[in-house]
C-alpha cells in the first residue's frame, strides 16, 4: 500500500477513535448539576462494572498513538528540496507528460497516414494485377495468332 493510502487510512482511524472516545465519554459521564436552582440529577444506575476513570485514559492513549503513527507517515513523505524543488519537479512532470502526449499523437498520425498509404498501395496493386491479367490475355491471344498465322481481329 502506498504512503498516501496509508495516510488516508490512518486519518480514518483517528476519526473513528475520536468518535468512539467522545461517544463513550458522553455516554459514561456522570450527571452534572447545571445550576443551583435545579434539583440534584439522579445518579446513573450502575450498568456494567465500567471503570470510568481508566477507560478515558485508555482511549486517549489510543488516540495519541494513532496521531503519532500519522505524524510518522507524514515524516516519511519525500519532501526533498522544499517547495521550490517540488514545484520544479511538478513542472518537469507536466512537461514530460505533455511530451508523451505529443509523441503519442505523432504516432497516431503516422499510423493513420500509414494506413491511408497502405490502402492506396492496395488499390494500385489490384489495378496492376488487373492490368497484368489483361496484358497476359492479350499476349496469349497475340502468340496464338502468330502460331496460327491469323491476322489480328
Protein backbone atom coordinates (compact mmCIF):
# COMPACT_ATOMS: atom_id res chain seq x y z
CA UNK A 1 0.00 0.00 0.00
CA UNK A 2 1.42 3.40 -0.90
CA UNK A 3 2.04 6.07 1.72
CA UNK A 4 -0.87 8.29 0.64
CA UNK A 5 -3.31 5.40 1.08
CA UNK A 6 -1.78 4.68 4.48
CA UNK A 7 -2.25 8.34 5.45
CA UNK A 8 -5.89 8.23 4.37
CA UNK A 9 -6.46 5.03 6.31
CA UNK A 10 -4.75 6.45 9.40
CA UNK A 11 -6.85 9.66 9.20
CA UNK A 12 -9.97 7.48 9.07
CA UNK A 13 -8.68 5.50 12.06
CA UNK A 14 -8.09 8.70 14.05
CA UNK A 15 -11.60 9.91 13.22
CA UNK A 16 -13.08 6.59 14.32
CA UNK A 17 -11.12 6.54 17.60
CA UNK A 18 -12.08 10.16 18.32
CA UNK A 19 -15.74 9.49 17.58
CA UNK A 20 -15.78 6.42 19.83
CA UNK A 21 -13.91 8.29 22.57
CA UNK A 22 -16.29 11.26 22.55
CA UNK A 23 -19.33 8.98 22.40
CA UNK A 24 -18.09 6.86 25.28
CA UNK A 25 -17.24 9.90 27.39
CA UNK A 26 -20.65 11.38 26.72
CA UNK A 27 -22.42 8.11 27.49
CA UNK A 28 -20.48 7.31 30.66
CA UNK A 29 -20.13 10.81 32.07
CA UNK A 30 -21.74 11.24 35.47
CA UNK A 31 -24.68 13.63 35.60
CA UNK A 32 -23.81 17.21 36.45
CA UNK A 33 -25.97 19.87 38.06
CA UNK A 34 -26.32 22.76 35.60
CA UNK A 35 -27.44 25.36 38.12
CA UNK A 36 -28.01 25.54 41.84
CA UNK A 37 -31.67 26.30 41.04
CA UNK A 38 -32.14 22.81 39.60
CA UNK A 39 -32.50 19.73 41.71
CA UNK A 40 -29.68 17.25 42.03
CA UNK A 41 -29.60 14.95 38.93
CA UNK A 42 -30.35 11.30 39.55
CA UNK A 43 -27.36 9.02 39.76
CA UNK A 44 -26.74 6.63 36.85
CA UNK A 45 -27.65 3.12 37.72
CA UNK A 46 -24.52 1.01 37.55
CA UNK A 47 -24.78 -0.74 34.19
CA UNK A 48 -21.72 -2.89 33.93
CA UNK A 49 -18.70 -2.59 36.08
CA UNK A 50 -17.11 0.04 33.89
CA UNK A 51 -14.05 1.68 35.23
CA UNK A 52 -14.92 5.26 34.38
CA UNK A 53 -11.51 6.57 35.38
CA UNK A 54 -9.48 4.06 33.32
CA UNK A 55 -11.48 3.99 30.09
CA UNK A 56 -10.83 7.65 29.11
CA UNK A 57 -7.11 7.12 29.74
CA UNK A 58 -7.06 4.04 27.51
CA UNK A 59 -8.99 5.76 24.76
CA UNK A 60 -6.80 8.87 24.99
CA UNK A 61 -3.70 6.70 24.71
CA UNK A 62 -5.12 5.02 21.58
CA UNK A 63 -5.88 8.43 20.07
CA UNK A 64 -2.38 9.71 20.84
CA UNK A 65 -0.84 6.52 19.41
CA UNK A 66 -2.85 6.91 16.18
CA UNK A 67 -1.81 10.56 15.91
CA UNK A 68 1.86 9.59 16.39
CA UNK A 69 1.57 6.98 13.64
CA UNK A 70 0.00 9.62 11.39
CA UNK A 71 2.88 12.00 12.15
CA UNK A 72 5.39 9.24 11.36
CA UNK A 73 3.72 8.63 8.00
CA UNK A 74 3.84 12.35 7.21
CA UNK A 75 7.52 12.44 8.16
CA UNK A 76 8.12 9.55 5.73
CA UNK A 77 6.78 11.56 2.79
CA UNK A 78 9.52 12.54 0.34
CA UNK A 79 9.96 16.28 0.84
CA UNK A 80 13.30 16.84 -0.89
CA UNK A 81 14.48 20.37 -1.50
CA UNK A 82 11.50 22.28 -0.21
CA UNK A 83 8.63 23.89 -2.06
CA UNK A 84 10.70 25.30 -4.94
CA UNK A 85 12.16 21.89 -5.75
CA UNK A 86 8.69 20.33 -5.59
CA UNK A 87 7.27 22.98 -7.94
CA UNK A 88 10.19 22.42 -10.31
CA UNK A 89 9.58 18.65 -10.18
CA UNK A 90 5.87 19.18 -10.87
CA UNK A 91 6.74 21.36 -13.88
CA UNK A 92 9.16 18.70 -15.15
CA UNK A 93 6.50 16.02 -14.78
CA UNK A 94 3.98 18.17 -16.63
CA UNK A 95 6.48 18.75 -19.47
CA UNK A 96 7.22 15.02 -19.60
CA UNK A 97 3.52 14.24 -19.66
CA UNK A 98 2.87 16.74 -22.46
CA UNK A 99 5.87 15.40 -24.38
CA UNK A 100 4.50 11.88 -24.03
CA UNK A 101 1.06 13.01 -25.22
CA UNK A 102 2.68 14.76 -28.19
CA UNK A 103 4.67 11.63 -29.07
CA UNK A 104 1.52 9.51 -28.85
CA UNK A 105 -0.31 11.98 -31.09
CA UNK A 106 2.50 11.90 -33.66
CA UNK A 107 2.50 8.10 -33.61
CA UNK A 108 -1.28 8.10 -34.08
CA UNK A 109 -0.96 10.49 -37.05
CA UNK A 110 1.79 8.33 -38.55
CA UNK A 111 -0.31 5.21 -38.13
CA UNK A 112 -3.28 6.92 -39.80
CA UNK A 113 -1.09 8.15 -42.67
CA UNK A 114 0.49 4.69 -42.94
CA UNK A 115 -2.95 3.11 -43.17
CA UNK A 116 -4.03 5.57 -45.89
CA UNK A 117 -0.86 4.91 -47.86
CA UNK A 118 -1.38 1.16 -47.37
CA UNK A 119 -4.93 1.41 -48.73
CA UNK A 120 -3.72 3.42 -51.72
CA UNK A 121 -0.96 0.88 -52.38
CA UNK A 122 -3.51 -1.94 -52.12
CA UNK A 123 -5.70 -0.21 -54.74
CA UNK A 124 -2.69 0.29 -57.02
CA UNK A 125 -1.69 -3.38 -56.57
CA UNK A 126 -5.18 -4.54 -57.50
CA UNK A 127 -5.18 -2.27 -60.56
CA UNK A 128 -1.72 -3.54 -61.56
CA UNK A 129 -2.87 -7.16 -61.18
CA UNK A 130 -5.87 -6.49 -63.41
CA UNK A 131 -3.64 -4.78 -65.97
CA UNK A 132 -1.22 -7.73 -65.81
CA UNK A 133 -4.09 -10.15 -66.45
CA UNK A 134 -5.19 -8.03 -69.41
CA UNK A 135 -1.63 -7.90 -70.81
CA UNK A 136 -1.24 -11.65 -70.31
CA UNK A 137 -4.53 -12.29 -72.12
CA UNK A 138 -3.50 -10.00 -74.98
CA UNK A 139 -0.04 -11.63 -75.13
CA UNK A 140 -1.66 -15.08 -75.17
CA UNK A 141 -4.01 -14.00 -77.94
CA UNK A 142 -1.13 -12.43 -79.90
CA UNK A 143 1.05 -15.54 -79.53
CA UNK A 144 -1.89 -17.76 -80.62
CA UNK A 145 -2.40 -15.52 -83.61
CA UNK A 146 1.29 -15.73 -84.53
CA UNK A 147 1.33 -19.50 -84.18
CA UNK A 148 -1.84 -19.95 -86.18
CA UNK A 149 -0.78 -17.24 -88.64
CA UNK A 150 -4.04 -15.50 -88.20
CA UNK A 151 -4.50 -11.84 -88.72
CA UNK A 152 -5.43 -9.90 -85.63
CA UNK A 153 -9.11 -9.01 -85.42
